[in-house]
Amino acid sequence: MIVSNPPVALCGNHDAQPISVFPMTMKQIPLRLPAKPYDVIAARAEDNFRTVCRQFELFLTECVRQRKSEAVCRKN
């Protein structure tokens, strides 16, 4: 699976340039995943009306955030 380009939003003016919804740079990576975890994340994405790519992005971001906070707690 390859993560797609970040979505953009257009202003009311049709001549306006697109505004990036995600200001960060997005990296594309190939991802091989067993069917069962993929199915679980795909079902969660469907429940939340998201694409599977967006659900993966949210899941990974949440995991990184959680690991960072755990690392800070261990330091103290």
Protein backbone atom coordinates (compact mmCIF):
# COMPACT_ATOMS: atom_id res chain seq x y z
CA MET A 1 0.00 0.00 0.00
CA ILE A 2 1.30 3.46 -0.84
CA VAL A 3 0.10 6.50 1.07
CA SER A 4 -1.42 9.04 -1.29
CA ASN A 5 -0.68 12.75 -1.51
CA PRO A 6 -2.20 14.86 1.27
CA PRO A 7 -5.71 16.15 0.57
CA VAL A 8 -6.22 19.80 -0.29
CA ALA A 9 -9.12 22.19 0.26
CA LEU A 10 -10.13 24.97 -2.09
CA CYS A 11 -11.30 28.39 -0.98
CA GLY A 12 -14.59 29.81 -2.20
CA ASN A 13 -12.74 31.61 -5.00
CA HIS A 14 -12.32 29.21 -7.95
CA ASP A 15 -9.09 30.96 -9.00
CA ALA A 16 -7.50 30.46 -5.57
CA GLN A 17 -4.62 28.06 -5.02
CA PRO A 18 -5.36 24.88 -3.03
CA ILE A 19 -4.62 25.05 0.69
CA SER A 20 -2.98 21.97 2.18
CA VAL A 21 -5.08 20.40 4.94
CA PHE A 22 -1.93 18.68 6.25
CA PRO A 23 0.96 21.17 6.36
CA MET A 24 3.53 18.43 7.02
CA THR A 25 5.46 16.62 4.31
CA MET A 26 4.00 13.21 3.56
CA LYS A 27 6.28 10.29 2.76
CA GLN A 28 5.24 7.40 0.56
CA ILE A 29 6.20 3.93 1.77
CA PRO A 30 5.32 0.46 0.58
CA LEU A 31 3.66 -1.52 3.35
CA ARG A 32 3.21 -5.27 3.60
CA LEU A 33 0.76 -6.30 6.27
CA PRO A 34 -0.90 -9.60 7.18
CA ALA A 35 -4.57 -9.78 6.21
CA LYS A 36 -5.99 -9.86 9.75
CA PRO A 37 -4.52 -6.53 11.00
CA TYR A 38 -5.39 -4.93 7.65
CA ASP A 39 -9.00 -6.13 7.95
CA VAL A 40 -9.28 -4.74 11.48
CA ILE A 41 -7.97 -1.32 10.42
CA ALA A 42 -10.10 -1.33 7.27
CA ALA A 43 -13.22 -2.06 9.35
CA ARG A 44 -12.32 0.78 11.73
CA ALA A 45 -11.82 3.10 8.76
CA GLU A 46 -15.22 2.19 7.38
CA ASP A 47 -16.85 2.79 10.78
CA ASN A 48 -15.28 6.27 10.90
CA PHE A 49 -15.98 7.11 7.22
CA ARG A 50 -12.24 7.33 6.45
CA THR A 51 -10.01 5.81 3.84
CA VAL A 52 -7.78 2.94 4.92
CA CYS A 53 -4.72 5.14 4.25
CA ARG A 54 -6.04 7.88 6.54
CA GLN A 55 -6.88 5.33 9.24
CA PHE A 56 -3.33 3.93 9.07
CA GLU A 57 -1.96 7.47 9.33
CA LEU A 58 -4.05 8.21 12.41
CA PHE A 59 -3.18 4.87 13.99
CA LEU A 60 0.56 5.32 13.44
CA THR A 61 0.49 8.93 14.65
CA GLU A 62 -1.35 7.87 17.81
CA CYS A 63 1.18 5.07 18.44
CA VAL A 64 4.16 7.42 18.03
CA ARG A 65 2.56 10.00 20.33
CA GLN A 66 1.89 7.33 22.95
CA ARG A 67 5.46 5.97 22.76
CA LYS A 68 6.86 9.48 23.18
CA SER A 69 4.76 10.10 26.30
CA GLU A 70 5.78 6.70 27.73
CA ALA A 71 9.45 7.56 27.14
CA VAL A 72 9.02 10.86 29.01
CA CYS A 73 7.36 9.05 31.94
CA ARG A 74 10.23 6.54 32.11
CA LYS A 75 12.80 9.35 32.21
CA ASN A 76 11.12 10.95 35.22
